């Protein structure tokens, strides 16, 4: 989902995205049910935010899919970009359940 969201921002012409914006949009997507028009609890939203931040950190440090384009003291204020040298399409194929993708 994070890669898809980064691609959406990229499609809008934003190559660098504030980490806090990614987390906020992900929490809204995961925690607010549009069919029931109800809000998630504050505690659950905080927990989800923390988990998303952990996944983002993992994608930066271990998977090398995201890069920090502008660092900040607060992680929510740093800007991220997709690592163009990574084969993101293979990751997307794998995550969508189509195996490991096709290598070119």
N, C-alpha and C. Protein backbone atom coordinates (compact mmCIF):
# COMPACT_ATOMS: atom_id res chain seq x y z
N UNK A 1 0.81 -1.20 0.00
CA UNK A 1 0.00 0.00 0.00
C UNK A 1 0.85 1.26 0.00
N UNK A 2 1.97 1.21 0.69
CA UNK A 2 2.84 2.38 0.77
C UNK A 2 3.42 2.69 -0.60
N UNK A 3 3.85 1.65 -1.32
CA UNK A 3 4.40 1.88 -2.65
C UNK A 3 3.33 2.41 -3.60
N UNK A 4 2.12 1.90 -3.48
CA UNK A 4 1.02 2.38 -4.32
C UNK A 4 0.74 3.84 -4.02
N UNK A 5 0.74 4.20 -2.76
CA UNK A 5 0.52 5.59 -2.36
C UNK A 5 1.63 6.50 -2.88
N UNK A 6 2.87 6.02 -2.78
CA UNK A 6 3.99 6.81 -3.31
C UNK A 6 3.86 7.00 -4.82
N UNK A 7 3.40 5.97 -5.51
CA UNK A 7 3.19 6.07 -6.95
C UNK A 7 2.08 7.08 -7.28
N UNK A 8 1.03 7.12 -6.43
CA UNK A 8 -0.05 8.10 -6.64
C UNK A 8 0.49 9.52 -6.53
N UNK A 9 1.28 9.76 -5.51
CA UNK A 9 1.89 11.09 -5.35
C UNK A 9 2.81 11.41 -6.52
N UNK A 10 3.57 10.41 -6.96
CA UNK A 10 4.47 10.59 -8.10
C UNK A 10 3.67 10.95 -9.36
N UNK A 11 2.51 10.32 -9.53
CA UNK A 11 1.65 10.62 -10.67
C UNK A 11 1.11 12.03 -10.64
N UNK A 12 1.00 12.60 -9.44
CA UNK A 12 0.56 13.99 -9.28
C UNK A 12 1.71 14.98 -9.42
N UNK A 13 2.91 14.47 -9.70
CA UNK A 13 4.06 15.33 -9.89
C UNK A 13 4.85 15.60 -8.61
N UNK A 14 4.54 14.90 -7.54
CA UNK A 14 5.26 15.09 -6.28
C UNK A 14 6.21 13.92 -6.08
N UNK A 15 7.50 14.16 -6.33
CA UNK A 15 8.48 13.11 -6.17
C UNK A 15 8.89 12.93 -4.72
N UNK A 16 8.84 14.00 -3.95
CA UNK A 16 9.18 13.96 -2.54
C UNK A 16 7.91 14.14 -1.72
N UNK A 17 7.68 13.20 -0.80
CA UNK A 17 6.44 13.21 -0.03
C UNK A 17 6.80 13.20 1.46
N UNK A 18 6.13 14.05 2.22
CA UNK A 18 6.34 14.11 3.66
C UNK A 18 5.85 12.81 4.31
N UNK A 19 6.67 12.21 5.15
CA UNK A 19 6.31 10.93 5.76
C UNK A 19 5.01 11.04 6.54
N UNK A 20 4.78 12.14 7.22
CA UNK A 20 3.55 12.34 7.97
C UNK A 20 2.31 12.28 7.08
N UNK A 21 2.43 12.77 5.85
CA UNK A 21 1.30 12.72 4.91
C UNK A 21 0.98 11.28 4.51
N UNK A 22 2.03 10.49 4.33
CA UNK A 22 1.84 9.08 3.99
C UNK A 22 1.14 8.36 5.14
N UNK A 23 1.63 8.58 6.35
CA UNK A 23 1.07 7.91 7.52
C UNK A 23 -0.38 8.33 7.71
N UNK A 24 -0.67 9.62 7.59
CA UNK A 24 -2.04 10.11 7.77
C UNK A 24 -3.00 9.46 6.78
N UNK A 25 -2.59 9.40 5.52
CA UNK A 25 -3.46 8.83 4.49
C UNK A 25 -3.65 7.33 4.72
N UNK A 26 -2.60 6.64 5.15
CA UNK A 26 -2.70 5.22 5.42
C UNK A 26 -3.63 4.95 6.60
N UNK A 27 -3.53 5.76 7.65
CA UNK A 27 -4.40 5.58 8.82
C UNK A 27 -5.86 5.79 8.41
N UNK A 28 -6.12 6.80 7.61
CA UNK A 28 -7.49 7.03 7.13
C UNK A 28 -7.99 5.84 6.33
N UNK A 29 -7.15 5.30 5.48
CA UNK A 29 -7.53 4.17 4.65
C UNK A 29 -7.80 2.93 5.49
N UNK A 30 -6.96 2.68 6.49
CA UNK A 30 -7.06 1.46 7.27
C UNK A 30 -8.05 1.53 8.43
N UNK A 31 -8.26 2.71 8.98
CA UNK A 31 -9.02 2.80 10.22
C UNK A 31 -10.42 3.39 10.08
N UNK A 32 -10.70 4.13 9.03
CA UNK A 32 -12.01 4.75 8.89
C UNK A 32 -12.80 3.95 7.86
N UNK A 33 -13.93 3.44 8.27
CA UNK A 33 -14.78 2.63 7.40
C UNK A 33 -15.81 3.55 6.75
N UNK A 34 -15.66 3.83 5.44
CA UNK A 34 -16.58 4.76 4.79
C UNK A 34 -18.03 4.28 4.77
N UNK A 35 -18.25 2.97 4.80
CA UNK A 35 -19.62 2.48 4.75
C UNK A 35 -20.36 2.73 6.07
N UNK A 36 -19.62 2.78 7.17
CA UNK A 36 -20.25 2.99 8.46
C UNK A 36 -20.15 4.44 8.93
N UNK A 37 -19.37 5.23 8.24
CA UNK A 37 -19.19 6.65 8.58
C UNK A 37 -18.81 6.82 10.05
N UNK A 38 -17.92 5.97 10.53
CA UNK A 38 -17.49 6.12 11.92
C UNK A 38 -15.99 6.35 11.97
N UNK A 39 -15.56 7.00 13.00
CA UNK A 39 -14.15 7.31 13.18
C UNK A 39 -13.49 6.21 14.02
N UNK A 40 -12.21 6.00 13.79
CA UNK A 40 -11.46 5.05 14.58
C UNK A 40 -11.13 5.65 15.94
N UNK A 41 -10.86 4.82 16.91
CA UNK A 41 -10.48 5.32 18.22
C UNK A 41 -9.10 5.94 18.13
N UNK A 42 -8.84 6.88 19.01
CA UNK A 42 -7.56 7.57 19.03
C UNK A 42 -6.43 6.58 19.32
N UNK A 43 -6.65 5.69 20.26
CA UNK A 43 -5.61 4.72 20.62
C UNK A 43 -5.27 3.81 19.45
N UNK A 44 -6.28 3.36 18.76
CA UNK A 44 -6.06 2.47 17.62
C UNK A 44 -5.36 3.22 16.48
N UNK A 45 -5.71 4.47 16.27
CA UNK A 45 -5.05 5.28 15.23
C UNK A 45 -3.58 5.51 15.56
N UNK A 46 -3.28 5.75 16.82
CA UNK A 46 -1.88 5.94 17.24
C UNK A 46 -1.09 4.65 17.02
N UNK A 47 -1.68 3.53 17.39
CA UNK A 47 -1.03 2.24 17.20
C UNK A 47 -0.79 1.96 15.72
N UNK A 48 -1.77 2.23 14.88
CA UNK A 48 -1.62 2.03 13.44
C UNK A 48 -0.55 2.95 12.87
N UNK A 49 -0.50 4.20 13.33
CA UNK A 49 0.53 5.14 12.89
C UNK A 49 1.91 4.61 13.22
N UNK A 50 2.07 4.07 14.42
CA UNK A 50 3.36 3.55 14.83
C UNK A 50 3.77 2.36 13.96
N UNK A 51 2.82 1.49 13.66
CA UNK A 51 3.12 0.34 12.81
C UNK A 51 3.51 0.77 11.39
N UNK A 52 2.80 1.75 10.86
CA UNK A 52 3.12 2.24 9.51
C UNK A 52 4.51 2.86 9.49
N UNK A 53 4.84 3.64 10.52
CA UNK A 53 6.18 4.22 10.61
C UNK A 53 7.25 3.14 10.67
N UNK A 54 6.98 2.04 11.38
CA UNK A 54 7.93 0.93 11.44
C UNK A 54 8.11 0.29 10.06
N UNK A 55 7.02 0.13 9.33
CA UNK A 55 7.12 -0.44 7.97
C UNK A 55 7.91 0.50 7.06
N UNK A 56 7.66 1.79 7.15
CA UNK A 56 8.41 2.76 6.34
C UNK A 56 9.89 2.69 6.67
N UNK A 57 10.23 2.64 7.96
CA UNK A 57 11.64 2.52 8.35
C UNK A 57 12.26 1.25 7.80
N UNK A 58 11.51 0.15 7.82
CA UNK A 58 12.00 -1.11 7.27
C UNK A 58 12.24 -0.97 5.76
N UNK A 59 11.32 -0.31 5.08
CA UNK A 59 11.46 -0.13 3.63
C UNK A 59 12.66 0.75 3.28
N UNK A 60 13.05 1.63 4.20
CA UNK A 60 14.22 2.49 3.99
C UNK A 60 15.50 1.70 4.29
N UNK A 61 15.56 1.09 5.46
CA UNK A 61 16.82 0.50 5.92
C UNK A 61 17.08 -0.90 5.39
N UNK A 62 16.06 -1.73 5.25
CA UNK A 62 16.28 -3.12 4.88
C UNK A 62 15.98 -3.42 3.42
N UNK A 63 14.93 -2.86 2.88
CA UNK A 63 14.51 -3.18 1.51
C UNK A 63 15.05 -2.19 0.48
N UNK A 64 15.48 -1.02 0.93
CA UNK A 64 16.04 0.00 0.04
C UNK A 64 15.03 0.44 -1.03
N UNK A 65 13.74 0.44 -0.68
CA UNK A 65 12.70 0.85 -1.62
C UNK A 65 12.42 2.35 -1.54
N UNK A 66 12.60 2.91 -0.35
CA UNK A 66 12.38 4.33 -0.15
C UNK A 66 13.68 4.98 0.28
N UNK A 67 13.84 6.23 -0.09
CA UNK A 67 15.00 7.02 0.30
C UNK A 67 14.53 8.26 1.03
N UNK A 68 15.34 8.72 1.96
CA UNK A 68 15.05 9.99 2.63
C UNK A 68 15.64 11.09 1.76
N UNK A 69 14.79 11.92 1.20
CA UNK A 69 15.27 12.98 0.32
C UNK A 69 15.57 14.25 1.10
N UNK A 70 14.93 14.43 2.25
CA UNK A 70 15.21 15.58 3.10
C UNK A 70 14.93 15.15 4.54
N UNK A 71 15.98 15.11 5.34
CA UNK A 71 15.83 14.64 6.71
C UNK A 71 15.32 15.75 7.61
N UNK A 72 14.76 15.37 8.75
CA UNK A 72 14.25 16.32 9.73
C UNK A 72 14.40 15.70 11.10
N UNK A 73 14.32 16.53 12.13
CA UNK A 73 14.43 16.01 13.50
C UNK A 73 13.28 15.07 13.81
N UNK A 74 12.09 15.42 13.41
CA UNK A 74 10.92 14.57 13.61
C UNK A 74 10.72 13.72 12.36
N UNK A 75 10.58 12.41 12.53
CA UNK A 75 10.43 11.53 11.37
C UNK A 75 9.21 11.88 10.52
N UNK A 76 8.17 12.38 11.15
CA UNK A 76 6.96 12.73 10.39
C UNK A 76 7.20 13.89 9.45
N UNK A 77 8.24 14.69 9.71
CA UNK A 77 8.52 15.87 8.88
C UNK A 77 9.57 15.61 7.81
N UNK A 78 10.16 14.42 7.78
CA UNK A 78 11.15 14.15 6.74
C UNK A 78 10.43 13.80 5.44
N UNK A 79 11.11 14.05 4.34
CA UNK A 79 10.55 13.78 3.01
C UNK A 79 11.17 12.51 2.44
N UNK A 80 10.32 11.71 1.80
CA UNK A 80 10.73 10.44 1.22
C UNK A 80 10.51 10.44 -0.28
N UNK A 81 11.26 9.61 -0.95
CA UNK A 81 11.10 9.42 -2.38
C UNK A 81 11.32 7.95 -2.70
N UNK A 82 10.79 7.50 -3.83
CA UNK A 82 11.02 6.12 -4.27
C UNK A 82 12.45 5.97 -4.73
N UNK A 83 13.07 4.84 -4.43
CA UNK A 83 14.40 4.54 -4.90
C UNK A 83 14.28 4.02 -6.33
N UNK A 84 14.72 4.80 -7.26
CA UNK A 84 14.55 4.45 -8.67
C UNK A 84 15.41 3.26 -9.09
N UNK A 85 16.45 2.95 -8.34
CA UNK A 85 17.29 1.81 -8.71
C UNK A 85 16.71 0.48 -8.24
N UNK A 86 15.68 0.52 -7.39
CA UNK A 86 15.01 -0.71 -6.97
C UNK A 86 14.01 -1.15 -8.02
N UNK A 87 13.80 -2.43 -8.13
CA UNK A 87 12.82 -2.95 -9.07
C UNK A 87 11.47 -3.02 -8.37
N UNK A 88 10.81 -1.89 -8.30
CA UNK A 88 9.56 -1.76 -7.57
C UNK A 88 8.45 -2.58 -8.21
N UNK A 89 8.46 -2.72 -9.51
CA UNK A 89 7.43 -3.50 -10.19
C UNK A 89 7.44 -4.96 -9.73
N UNK A 90 8.63 -5.51 -9.48
CA UNK A 90 8.72 -6.88 -8.97
C UNK A 90 8.09 -6.98 -7.60
N UNK A 91 8.33 -5.97 -6.75
CA UNK A 91 7.73 -5.97 -5.41
C UNK A 91 6.22 -5.86 -5.51
N UNK A 92 5.73 -5.00 -6.39
CA UNK A 92 4.28 -4.85 -6.55
C UNK A 92 3.65 -6.15 -7.02
N UNK A 93 4.27 -6.83 -7.97
CA UNK A 93 3.75 -8.10 -8.48
C UNK A 93 3.69 -9.13 -7.36
N UNK A 94 4.74 -9.18 -6.58
CA UNK A 94 4.79 -10.14 -5.49
C UNK A 94 3.70 -9.84 -4.46
N UNK A 95 3.54 -8.58 -4.10
CA UNK A 95 2.55 -8.20 -3.10
C UNK A 95 1.12 -8.38 -3.60
N UNK A 96 0.91 -8.30 -4.90
CA UNK A 96 -0.42 -8.48 -5.46
C UNK A 96 -0.74 -9.96 -5.67
N UNK A 97 0.19 -10.85 -5.32
CA UNK A 97 -0.09 -12.27 -5.40
C UNK A 97 0.20 -12.89 -6.75
N UNK A 98 1.01 -12.23 -7.56
CA UNK A 98 1.33 -12.77 -8.88
C UNK A 98 2.74 -13.37 -8.90
N UNK A 99 3.21 -13.87 -7.78
CA UNK A 99 4.55 -14.44 -7.74
C UNK A 99 5.61 -13.38 -7.65
N UNK A 100 6.75 -13.66 -8.23
CA UNK A 100 7.87 -12.73 -8.13
C UNK A 100 7.96 -11.78 -9.31
N UNK A 101 6.97 -11.73 -10.13
CA UNK A 101 7.00 -10.81 -11.26
C UNK A 101 7.86 -11.36 -12.38
N UNK A 102 7.93 -10.63 -13.44
CA UNK A 102 8.74 -11.08 -14.56
C UNK A 102 10.00 -10.25 -14.62
N UNK A 103 11.10 -10.90 -14.83
CA UNK A 103 12.36 -10.20 -14.95
C UNK A 103 12.63 -9.89 -16.42
N UNK A 104 13.11 -8.72 -16.65
CA UNK A 104 13.36 -8.32 -18.04
C UNK A 104 14.83 -8.38 -18.34
